[in-house]
Amino acid sequence: MQTKIVAQPQQTAAVPRTPHNLIVEDRRTMTVTGVTRIVSYDENGATLETQQGTLMVGGKELQVSELSIQTGELKIYGQIDYLQYSDTRQNSGGFFKRLVR
């Protein structure tokens, strides 16, 4: 009997890729999945890093809660006025590289 060995891909220490979804209910509650990092937030806005780019949420009396590191799920409550995406920029080599260009 011959045993076949199948190589398993190595897992990296990076954040697992989870689906990115948005659910907005009555412009008062928002659930976001695929969040990798909260860049900043206050009562007027939140900036989130997601699998699909940077997401900016603006509004009034915003409260960020229920962040799950394992699933990347985040809940935001308050009056949601706008959502805006921007692509994440790769580091271009730092200050000196930009200076020499």
PDB file of N, CA and C in Angstrom:
ATOM      1  N   MET A   1       0.843  -1.172   0.000  1.00  0.00           N
ATOM      2  CA  MET A   1       0.000   0.000   0.000  1.00  0.00           C
ATOM      3  C   MET A   1       0.887   1.232   0.000  1.00  0.00           C
ATOM      4  N   GLN A   2       0.577   2.177  -0.870  1.00  0.00           N
ATOM      5  CA  GLN A   2       1.387   3.370  -1.010  1.00  0.00           C
ATOM      6  C   GLN A   2       0.677   4.547  -0.344  1.00  0.00           C
ATOM      7  N   THR A   3       1.423   5.335   0.427  1.00  0.00           N
ATOM      8  CA  THR A   3       0.858   6.494   1.114  1.00  0.00           C
ATOM      9  C   THR A   3       1.184   7.743   0.320  1.00  0.00           C
ATOM     10  N   LYS A   4       0.178   8.539   0.065  1.00  0.00           N
ATOM     11  CA  LYS A   4       0.370   9.781  -0.680  1.00  0.00           C
ATOM     12  C   LYS A   4       0.382  10.940   0.310  1.00  0.00           C
ATOM     13  N   ILE A   5       1.417  11.777   0.226  1.00  0.00           N
ATOM     14  CA  ILE A   5       1.528  12.936   1.108  1.00  0.00           C
ATOM     15  C   ILE A   5       1.125  14.169   0.321  1.00  0.00           C
ATOM     16  N   VAL A   6       0.176  14.890   0.873  1.00  0.00           N
ATOM     17  CA  VAL A   6      -0.301  16.119   0.233  1.00  0.00           C
ATOM     18  C   VAL A   6       0.230  17.292   1.036  1.00  0.00           C
ATOM     19  N   ALA A   7       0.899  18.212   0.359  1.00  0.00           N
ATOM     20  CA  ALA A   7       1.459  19.385   1.051  1.00  0.00           C
ATOM     21  C   ALA A   7       0.343  20.368   1.375  1.00  0.00           C
ATOM     22  N   GLN A   8       0.321  20.819   2.608  1.00  0.00           N
ATOM     23  CA  GLN A   8      -0.642  21.815   3.054  1.00  0.00           C
ATOM     24  C   GLN A   8      -0.009  23.192   2.911  1.00  0.00           C
ATOM     25  N   PRO A   9      -0.751  24.208   2.399  1.00  0.00           N
ATOM     26  CA  PRO A   9      -0.185  25.549   2.325  1.00  0.00           C
ATOM     27  C   PRO A   9       0.060  26.087   3.734  1.00  0.00           C
ATOM     28  N   GLN A  10       1.177  26.767   3.901  1.00  0.00           N
ATOM     29  CA  GLN A  10       1.494  27.321   5.202  1.00  0.00           C
ATOM     30  C   GLN A  10       0.635  28.534   5.465  1.00  0.00           C
ATOM     31  N   GLN A  11       0.157  28.647   6.697  1.00  0.00           N
ATOM     32  CA  GLN A  11      -0.633  29.804   7.079  1.00  0.00           C
ATOM     33  C   GLN A  11       0.300  30.858   7.612  1.00  0.00           C
ATOM     34  N   THR A  12       0.041  32.119   7.224  1.00  0.00           N
ATOM     35  CA  THR A  12       0.861  33.215   7.702  1.00  0.00           C
ATOM     36  C   THR A  12       0.206  33.841   8.911  1.00  0.00           C
ATOM     37  N   ALA A  13       0.948  34.691   9.571  1.00  0.00           N
ATOM     38  CA  ALA A  13       0.432  35.371  10.761  1.00  0.00           C
ATOM     39  C   ALA A  13      -0.447  36.560  10.406  1.00  0.00           C
ATOM     40  N   ALA A  14      -0.676  36.810   9.122  1.00  0.00           N
ATOM     41  CA  ALA A  14      -1.495  37.942   8.687  1.00  0.00           C
ATOM     42  C   ALA A  14      -2.950  37.723   9.074  1.00  0.00           C
ATOM     43  N   VAL A  15      -3.697  38.805   9.050  1.00  0.00           N
ATOM     44  CA  VAL A  15      -5.117  38.749   9.369  1.00  0.00           C
ATOM     45  C   VAL A  15      -5.820  37.926   8.298  1.00  0.00           C
ATOM     46  N   PRO A  16      -6.642  36.946   8.678  1.00  0.00           N
ATOM     47  CA  PRO A  16      -7.340  36.144   7.679  1.00  0.00           C
ATOM     48  C   PRO A  16      -8.272  37.011   6.854  1.00  0.00           C
ATOM     49  N   ARG A  17      -8.365  36.725   5.582  1.00  0.00           N
ATOM     50  CA  ARG A  17      -9.212  37.501   4.680  1.00  0.00           C
ATOM     51  C   ARG A  17     -10.666  37.105   4.914  1.00  0.00           C
ATOM     52  N   THR A  18     -11.451  38.066   5.378  1.00  0.00           N
ATOM     53  CA  THR A  18     -12.868  37.839   5.621  1.00  0.00           C
ATOM     54  C   THR A  18     -13.661  38.673   4.639  1.00  0.00           C
ATOM     55  N   PRO A  19     -14.874  38.285   4.320  1.00  0.00           N
ATOM     56  CA  PRO A  19     -15.683  39.064   3.385  1.00  0.00           C
ATOM     57  C   PRO A  19     -15.963  40.454   3.943  1.00  0.00           C
ATOM     58  N   HIS A  20     -16.057  41.420   3.047  1.00  0.00           N
ATOM     59  CA  HIS A  20     -16.375  42.790   3.455  1.00  0.00           C
ATOM     60  C   HIS A  20     -17.813  43.092   3.040  1.00  0.00           C
ATOM     61  N   ASN A  21     -18.645  43.381   4.028  1.00  0.00           N
ATOM     62  CA  ASN A  21     -20.048  43.702   3.786  1.00  0.00           C
ATOM     63  C   ASN A  21     -20.458  44.898   4.627  1.00  0.00           C
ATOM     64  N   LEU A  22     -21.457  45.631   4.145  1.00  0.00           N
ATOM     65  CA  LEU A  22     -22.056  46.747   4.874  1.00  0.00           C
ATOM     66  C   LEU A  22     -23.546  46.513   4.978  1.00  0.00           C
ATOM     67  N   ILE A  23     -24.083  46.699   6.171  1.00  0.00           N
ATOM     68  CA  ILE A  23     -25.527  46.658   6.365  1.00  0.00           C
ATOM     69  C   ILE A  23     -25.895  47.929   7.111  1.00  0.00           C
ATOM     70  N   VAL A  24     -26.706  48.774   6.489  1.00  0.00           N
ATOM     71  CA  VAL A  24     -27.152  50.020   7.109  1.00  0.00           C
ATOM     72  C   VAL A  24     -28.658  49.908   7.322  1.00  0.00           C
ATOM     73  N   GLU A  25     -29.081  50.121   8.560  1.00  0.00           N
ATOM     74  CA  GLU A  25     -30.496  50.019   8.904  1.00  0.00           C
ATOM     75  C   GLU A  25     -31.012  51.388   9.336  1.00  0.00           C
ATOM     76  N   ASP A  26     -31.939  51.958   8.548  1.00  0.00           N
ATOM     77  CA  ASP A  26     -32.597  53.227   8.857  1.00  0.00           C
ATOM     78  C   ASP A  26     -31.606  54.359   9.125  1.00  0.00           C
ATOM     79  N   ARG A  27     -30.423  54.286   8.550  1.00  0.00           N
ATOM     80  CA  ARG A  27     -29.365  55.282   8.747  1.00  0.00           C
ATOM     81  C   ARG A  27     -29.058  55.532  10.218  1.00  0.00           C
ATOM     82  N   ARG A  28     -29.359  54.578  11.091  1.00  0.00           N
ATOM     83  CA  ARG A  28     -29.088  54.691  12.528  1.00  0.00           C
ATOM     84  C   ARG A  28     -28.145  53.600  13.036  1.00  0.00           C
ATOM     85  N   THR A  29     -28.109  52.474  12.354  1.00  0.00           N
ATOM     86  CA  THR A  29     -27.261  51.355  12.770  1.00  0.00           C
ATOM     87  C   THR A  29     -26.534  50.823  11.548  1.00  0.00           C
ATOM     88  N   MET A  30     -25.233  50.584  11.692  1.00  0.00           N
ATOM     89  CA  MET A  30     -24.456  50.041  10.587  1.00  0.00           C
ATOM     90  C   MET A  30     -23.599  48.898  11.105  1.00  0.00           C
ATOM     91  N   THR A  31     -23.598  47.797  10.374  1.00  0.00           N
ATOM     92  CA  THR A  31     -22.742  46.652  10.667  1.00  0.00           C
ATOM     93  C   THR A  31     -21.768  46.519   9.506  1.00  0.00           C
ATOM     94  N   VAL A  32     -20.487  46.469   9.816  1.00  0.00           N
ATOM     95  CA  VAL A  32     -19.439  46.358   8.803  1.00  0.00           C
ATOM     96  C   VAL A  32     -18.637  45.107   9.108  1.00  0.00           C
ATOM     97  N   THR A  33     -18.393  44.275   8.098  1.00  0.00           N
ATOM     98  CA  THR A  33     -17.518  43.120   8.260  1.00  0.00           C
ATOM     99  C   THR A  33     -16.282  43.321   7.395  1.00  0.00           C
ATOM    100  N   GLY A  34     -15.229  42.592   7.704  1.00  0.00           N
ATOM    101  CA  GLY A  34     -13.982  42.724   6.959  1.00  0.00           C
ATOM    102  C   GLY A  34     -13.139  43.895   7.422  1.00  0.00           C
ATOM    103  N   VAL A  35     -13.384  44.399   8.638  1.00  0.00           N
ATOM    104  CA  VAL A  35     -12.604  45.506   9.186  1.00  0.00           C
ATOM    105  C   VAL A  35     -11.287  44.952   9.724  1.00  0.00           C
ATOM    106  N   THR A  36     -10.187  45.523   9.271  1.00  0.00           N
ATOM    107  CA  THR A  36      -8.880  45.084   9.751  1.00  0.00           C
ATOM    108  C   THR A  36      -8.324  46.006  10.825  1.00  0.00           C
ATOM    109  N   ARG A  37      -8.777  47.283  10.826  1.00  0.00           N
ATOM    110  CA  ARG A  37      -8.253  48.230  11.806  1.00  0.00           C
ATOM    111  C   ARG A  37      -9.156  49.455  11.883  1.00  0.00           C
ATOM    112  N   ILE A  38      -9.324  49.992  13.091  1.00  0.00           N
ATOM    113  CA  ILE A  38      -9.998  51.274  13.267  1.00  0.00           C
ATOM    114  C   ILE A  38      -8.892  52.323  13.296  1.00  0.00           C
ATOM    115  N   VAL A  39      -8.870  53.185  12.287  1.00  0.00           N
ATOM    116  CA  VAL A  39      -7.838  54.206  12.203  1.00  0.00           C
ATOM    117  C   VAL A  39      -8.130  55.315  13.200  1.00  0.00           C
ATOM    118  N   SER A  40      -9.379  55.811  13.200  1.00  0.00           N
ATOM    119  CA  SER A  40      -9.785  56.849  14.148  1.00  0.00           C
ATOM    120  C   SER A  40     -11.299  56.906  14.198  1.00  0.00           C
ATOM    121  N   TYR A  41     -11.812  57.496  15.276  1.00  0.00           N
ATOM    122  CA  TYR A  41     -13.241  57.753  15.352  1.00  0.00           C
ATOM    123  C   TYR A  41     -13.523  58.780  16.436  1.00  0.00           C
ATOM    124  N   ASP A  42     -14.619  59.499  16.241  1.00  0.00           N
ATOM    125  CA  ASP A  42     -15.157  60.396  17.255  1.00  0.00           C
ATOM    126  C   ASP A  42     -16.664  60.467  17.012  1.00  0.00           C
ATOM    127  N   GLU A  43     -17.349  61.407  17.649  1.00  0.00           N
ATOM    128  CA  GLU A  43     -18.811  61.453  17.526  1.00  0.00           C
ATOM    129  C   GLU A  43     -19.290  61.919  16.156  1.00  0.00           C
ATOM    130  N   ASN A  44     -18.384  62.468  15.332  1.00  0.00           N
ATOM    131  CA  ASN A  44     -18.772  62.949  14.005  1.00  0.00           C
ATOM    132  C   ASN A  44     -18.269  62.091  12.858  1.00  0.00           C
ATOM    133  N   GLY A  45     -17.447  61.095  13.135  1.00  0.00           N
ATOM    134  CA  GLY A  45     -16.951  60.277  12.041  1.00  0.00           C
ATOM    135  C   GLY A  45     -16.062  59.146  12.503  1.00  0.00           C
ATOM    136  N   ALA A  46     -15.872  58.194  11.609  1.00  0.00           N
ATOM    137  CA  ALA A  46     -14.992  57.055  11.865  1.00  0.00           C
ATOM    138  C   ALA A  46     -14.252  56.726  10.577  1.00  0.00           C
ATOM    139  N   THR A  47     -12.986  56.369  10.710  1.00  0.00           N
ATOM    140  CA  THR A  47     -12.185  55.931   9.576  1.00  0.00           C
ATOM    141  C   THR A  47     -11.755  54.504   9.858  1.00  0.00           C
ATOM    142  N   LEU A  48     -12.138  53.596   8.961  1.00  0.00           N
ATOM    143  CA  LEU A  48     -11.896  52.171   9.146  1.00  0.00           C
ATOM    144  C   LEU A  48     -11.065  51.638   7.997  1.00  0.00           C
ATOM    145  N   GLU A  49     -10.126  50.770   8.300  1.00  0.00           N
ATOM    146  CA  GLU A  49      -9.379  50.080   7.263  1.00  0.00           C
ATOM    147  C   GLU A  49     -10.061  48.740   7.045  1.00  0.00           C
ATOM    148  N   THR A  50     -10.470  48.471   5.801  1.00  0.00           N
ATOM    149  CA  THR A  50     -11.175  47.231   5.483  1.00  0.00           C
ATOM    150  C   THR A  50     -10.399  46.455   4.426  1.00  0.00           C
ATOM    151  N   GLN A  51     -10.880  45.262   4.111  1.00  0.00           N
ATOM    152  CA  GLN A  51     -10.280  44.442   3.068  1.00  0.00           C
ATOM    153  C   GLN A  51     -10.385  45.103   1.698  1.00  0.00           C
ATOM    154  N   GLN A  52     -11.326  46.032   1.522  1.00  0.00           N
ATOM    155  CA  GLN A  52     -11.574  46.668   0.235  1.00  0.00           C
ATOM    156  C   GLN A  52     -11.084  48.109   0.160  1.00  0.00           C
ATOM    157  N   GLY A  53     -10.351  48.574   1.154  1.00  0.00           N
ATOM    158  CA  GLY A  53      -9.844  49.950   1.167  1.00  0.00           C
ATOM    159  C   GLY A  53     -10.264  50.656   2.443  1.00  0.00           C
ATOM    160  N   THR A  54      -9.999  51.943   2.496  1.00  0.00           N
ATOM    161  CA  THR A  54     -10.336  52.745   3.661  1.00  0.00           C
ATOM    162  C   THR A  54     -11.777  53.226   3.538  1.00  0.00           C
ATOM    163  N   LEU A  55     -12.541  53.055   4.604  1.00  0.00           N
ATOM    164  CA  LEU A  55     -13.943  53.462   4.643  1.00  0.00           C
ATOM    165  C   LEU A  55     -14.098  54.581   5.661  1.00  0.00           C
ATOM    166  N   MET A  56     -14.636  55.722   5.200  1.00  0.00           N
ATOM    167  CA  MET A  56     -14.910  56.836   6.100  1.00  0.00           C
ATOM    168  C   MET A  56     -16.416  56.945   6.283  1.00  0.00           C
ATOM    169  N   VAL A  57     -16.837  57.037   7.519  1.00  0.00           N
ATOM    170  CA  VAL A  57     -18.254  57.142   7.871  1.00  0.00           C
ATOM    171  C   VAL A  57     -18.431  58.472   8.580  1.00  0.00           C
ATOM    172  N   GLY A  58     -19.380  59.267   8.114  1.00  0.00           N
ATOM    173  CA  GLY A  58     -19.631  60.556   8.744  1.00  0.00           C
ATOM    174  C   GLY A  58     -21.052  60.633   9.251  1.00  0.00           C
ATOM    175  N   GLY A  59     -21.247  61.421  10.299  1.00  0.00           N
ATOM    176  CA  GLY A  59     -22.585  61.581  10.846  1.00  0.00           C
ATOM    177  C   GLY A  59     -22.559  62.379  12.133  1.00  0.00           C
ATOM    178  N   LYS A  60     -23.547  62.144  12.950  1.00  0.00           N
ATOM    179  CA  LYS A  60     -23.673  62.838  14.230  1.00  0.00           C
ATOM    180  C   LYS A  60     -23.919  61.817  15.330  1.00  0.00           C
ATOM    181  N   GLU A  61     -23.367  62.097  16.497  1.00  0.00           N
ATOM    182  CA  GLU A  61     -23.558  61.249  17.683  1.00  0.00           C
ATOM    183  C   GLU A  61     -23.218  59.789  17.407  1.00  0.00           C
ATOM    184  N   LEU A  62     -22.137  59.558  16.658  1.00  0.00           N
ATOM    185  CA  LEU A  62     -21.739  58.193  16.313  1.00  0.00           C
ATOM    186  C   LEU A  62     -21.068  57.512  17.497  1.00  0.00           C
ATOM    187  N   GLN A  63     -21.394  56.255  17.670  1.00  0.00           N
ATOM    188  CA  GLN A  63     -20.789  55.418  18.698  1.00  0.00           C
ATOM    189  C   GLN A  63     -20.311  54.134  18.034  1.00  0.00           C
ATOM    190  N   VAL A  64     -19.037  53.840  18.190  1.00  0.00           N
ATOM    191  CA  VAL A  64     -18.458  52.622  17.645  1.00  0.00           C
ATOM    192  C   VAL A  64     -18.446  51.585  18.753  1.00  0.00           C
ATOM    193  N   SER A  65     -19.007  50.413  18.481  1.00  0.00           N
ATOM    194  CA  SER A  65     -19.039  49.374  19.505  1.00  0.00           C
ATOM    195  C   SER A  65     -19.043  47.994  18.881  1.00  0.00           C
ATOM    196  N   GLU A  66     -18.887  47.012  19.717  1.00  0.00           N
ATOM    197  CA  GLU A  66     -18.959  45.604  19.343  1.00  0.00           C
ATOM    198  C   GLU A  66     -17.967  45.203  18.256  1.00  0.00           C
ATOM    199  N   LEU A  67     -16.705  45.607  18.406  1.00  0.00           N
ATOM    200  CA  LEU A  67     -15.660  45.198  17.474  1.00  0.00           C
ATOM    201  C   LEU A  67     -15.218  43.779  17.806  1.00  0.00           C
ATOM    202  N   SER A  68     -15.214  42.913  16.801  1.00  0.00           N
ATOM    203  CA  SER A  68     -14.747  41.538  16.972  1.00  0.00           C
ATOM    204  C   SER A  68     -13.475  41.364  16.156  1.00  0.00           C
ATOM    205  N   ILE A  69     -12.376  41.115  16.831  1.00  0.00           N
ATOM    206  CA  ILE A  69     -11.101  40.928  16.155  1.00  0.00           C
ATOM    207  C   ILE A  69     -11.116  39.654  15.304  1.00  0.00           C
ATOM    208  N   GLN A  70     -11.740  38.586  15.788  1.00  0.00           N
ATOM    209  CA  GLN A  70     -11.747  37.311  15.068  1.00  0.00           C
ATOM    210  C   GLN A  70     -12.499  37.406  13.744  1.00  0.00           C
ATOM    211  N   THR A  71     -13.663  38.072  13.731  1.00  0.00           N
ATOM    212  CA  THR A  71     -14.484  38.118  12.523  1.00  0.00           C
ATOM    213  C   THR A  71     -14.346  39.420  11.760  1.00  0.00           C
ATOM    214  N   GLY A  72     -13.740  40.450  12.361  1.00  0.00           N
ATOM    215  CA  GLY A  72     -13.615  41.744  11.699  1.00  0.00           C
ATOM    216  C   GLY A  72     -14.930  42.487  11.630  1.00  0.00           C
ATOM    217  N   GLU A  73     -15.867  42.163  12.518  1.00  0.00           N
ATOM    218  CA  GLU A  73     -17.191  42.801  12.496  1.00  0.00           C
ATOM    219  C   GLU A  73     -17.220  43.978  13.465  1.00  0.00           C
ATOM    220  N   LEU A  74     -17.841  45.063  13.022  1.00  0.00           N
ATOM    221  CA  LEU A  74     -17.920  46.284  13.806  1.00  0.00           C
ATOM    222  C   LEU A  74     -19.317  46.861  13.680  1.00  0.00           C
ATOM    223  N   LYS A  75     -19.835  47.422  14.761  1.00  0.00           N
ATOM    224  CA  LYS A  75     -21.150  48.065  14.737  1.00  0.00           C
ATOM    225  C   LYS A  75     -20.973  49.544  15.043  1.00  0.00           C
ATOM    226  N   ILE A  76     -21.723  50.364  14.318  1.00  0.00           N
ATOM    227  CA  ILE A  76     -21.727  51.807  14.528  1.00  0.00           C
ATOM    228  C   ILE A  76     -23.172  52.243  14.701  1.00  0.00           C
ATOM    229  N   TYR A  77     -23.411  53.051  15.741  1.00  0.00           N
ATOM    230  CA  TYR A  77     -24.741  53.570  16.025  1.00  0.00           C
ATOM    231  C   TYR A  77     -24.705  55.091  15.950  1.00  0.00           C
ATOM    232  N   GLY A  78     -25.803  55.703  15.588  1.00  0.00           N
ATOM    233  CA  GLY A  78     -25.917  57.157  15.514  1.00  0.00           C
ATOM    234  C   GLY A  78     -26.570  57.556  14.200  1.00  0.00           C
ATOM    235  N   GLN A  79     -26.523  58.845  13.885  1.00  0.00           N
ATOM    236  CA  GLN A  79     -27.085  59.332  12.619  1.00  0.00           C
ATOM    237  C   GLN A  79     -26.003  59.254  11.557  1.00  0.00           C
ATOM    238  N   ILE A  80     -26.155  58.338  10.599  1.00  0.00           N
ATOM    239  CA  ILE A  80     -25.161  58.127   9.553  1.00  0.00           C
ATOM    240  C   ILE A  80     -25.519  59.002   8.363  1.00  0.00           C
ATOM    241  N   ASP A  81     -24.628  59.947   8.030  1.00  0.00           N
ATOM    242  CA  ASP A  81     -24.882  60.879   6.932  1.00  0.00           C
ATOM    243  C   ASP A  81     -24.197  60.475   5.634  1.00  0.00           C
ATOM    244  N   TYR A  82     -22.997  59.913   5.710  1.00  0.00           N
ATOM    245  CA  TYR A  82     -22.322  59.521   4.474  1.00  0.00           C
ATOM    246  C   TYR A  82     -21.329  58.391   4.705  1.00  0.00           C
ATOM    247  N   LEU A  83     -21.027  57.689   3.598  1.00  0.00           N
ATOM    248  CA  LEU A  83     -20.011  56.645   3.543  1.00  0.00           C
ATOM    249  C   LEU A  83     -19.117  56.963   2.355  1.00  0.00           C
ATOM    250  N   GLN A  84     -17.808  56.846   2.533  1.00  0.00           N
ATOM    251  CA  GLN A  84     -16.891  57.125   1.439  1.00  0.00           C
ATOM    252  C   GLN A  84     -15.725  56.162   1.489  1.00  0.00           C
ATOM    253  N   TYR A  85     -15.414  55.564   0.339  1.00  0.00           N
ATOM    254  CA  TYR A  85     -14.278  54.662   0.221  1.00  0.00           C
ATOM    255  C   TYR A  85     -13.115  55.368  -0.456  1.00  0.00           C
ATOM    256  N   SER A  86     -11.909  54.971  -0.074  1.00  0.00           N
ATOM    257  CA  SER A  86     -10.709  55.357  -0.809  1.00  0.00           C
ATOM    258  C   SER A  86      -9.781  54.152  -0.801  1.00  0.00           C
ATOM    259  N   ASP A  87      -9.010  54.019  -1.869  1.00  0.00           N
ATOM    260  CA  ASP A  87      -8.075  52.901  -1.953  1.00  0.00           C
ATOM    261  C   ASP A  87      -6.938  53.127  -0.983  1.00  0.00           C
ATOM    262  N   THR A  88      -6.429  52.033  -0.424  1.00  0.00           N
ATOM    263  CA  THR A  88      -5.278  52.141   0.463  1.00  0.00           C
ATOM    264  C   THR A  88      -4.043  52.360  -0.382  1.00  0.00           C
ATOM    265  N   ARG A  89      -3.233  53.343  -0.007  1.00  0.00           N
ATOM    266  CA  ARG A  89      -2.006  53.642  -0.737  1.00  0.00           C
ATOM    267  C   ARG A  89      -0.864  52.832  -0.162  1.00  0.00           C
ATOM    268  N   GLN A  90      -0.020  52.335  -1.045  1.00  0.00           N
ATOM    269  CA  GLN A  90       1.181  51.652  -0.605  1.00  0.00           C
ATOM    270  C   GLN A  90       2.212  52.702  -0.218  1.00  0.00           C
ATOM    271  N   ASN A  91       3.030  52.393   0.769  1.00  0.00           N
ATOM    272  CA  ASN A  91       4.083  53.296   1.191  1.00  0.00           C
ATOM    273  C   ASN A  91       5.059  53.488   0.036  1.00  0.00           C
ATOM    274  N   SER A  92       5.330  54.728  -0.339  1.00  0.00           N
ATOM    275  CA  SER A  92       6.165  54.994  -1.499  1.00  0.00           C
ATOM    276  C   SER A  92       7.646  55.088  -1.153  1.00  0.00           C
ATOM    277  N   GLY A  93       8.045  54.654   0.023  1.00  0.00           N
ATOM    278  CA  GLY A  93       9.450  54.614   0.348  1.00  0.00           C
ATOM    279  C   GLY A  93       9.886  55.643   1.367  1.00  0.00           C
ATOM    280  N   GLY A  94       8.985  56.412   1.873  1.00  0.00           N
ATOM    281  CA  GLY A  94       9.334  57.352   2.923  1.00  0.00           C
ATOM    282  C   GLY A  94       9.629  58.750   2.424  1.00  0.00           C
ATOM    283  N   PHE A  95       9.958  59.606   3.367  1.00  0.00           N
ATOM    284  CA  PHE A  95      10.162  61.021   3.109  1.00  0.00           C
ATOM    285  C   PHE A  95      11.326  61.273   2.156  1.00  0.00           C
ATOM    286  N   PHE A  96      12.476  60.635   2.402  1.00  0.00           N
ATOM    287  CA  PHE A  96      13.647  60.907   1.595  1.00  0.00           C
ATOM    288  C   PHE A  96      13.489  60.447   0.150  1.00  0.00           C
ATOM    289  N   LYS A  97      12.814  59.361  -0.079  1.00  0.00           N
ATOM    290  CA  LYS A  97      12.587  58.892  -1.442  1.00  0.00           C
ATOM    291  C   LYS A  97      11.706  59.880  -2.206  1.00  0.00           C
ATOM    292  N   ARG A  98      10.690  60.437  -1.547  1.00  0.00           N
ATOM    293  CA  ARG A  98       9.848  61.441  -2.206  1.00  0.00           C
ATOM    294  C   ARG A  98      10.624  62.726  -2.443  1.00  0.00           C
ATOM    295  N   LEU A  99      11.545  63.069  -1.561  1.00  0.00           N
ATOM    296  CA  LEU A  99      12.332  64.284  -1.676  1.00  0.00           C
ATOM    297  C   LEU A  99      13.287  64.211  -2.863  1.00  0.00           C
ATOM    298  N   VAL A 100      13.844  63.035  -3.129  1.00  0.00           N
ATOM    299  CA  VAL A 100      14.840  62.865  -4.187  1.00  0.00           C
ATOM    300  C   VAL A 100      14.202  62.779  -5.571  1.00  0.00           C
ATOM    301  N   ARG A 101      12.956  62.418  -5.671  1.00  0.00           N
ATOM    302  CA  ARG A 101      12.300  62.243  -6.974  1.00  0.00           C
ATOM    303  C   ARG A 101      12.521  63.382  -7.899  1.00  0.00           C
TER     304      ARG A 101
END
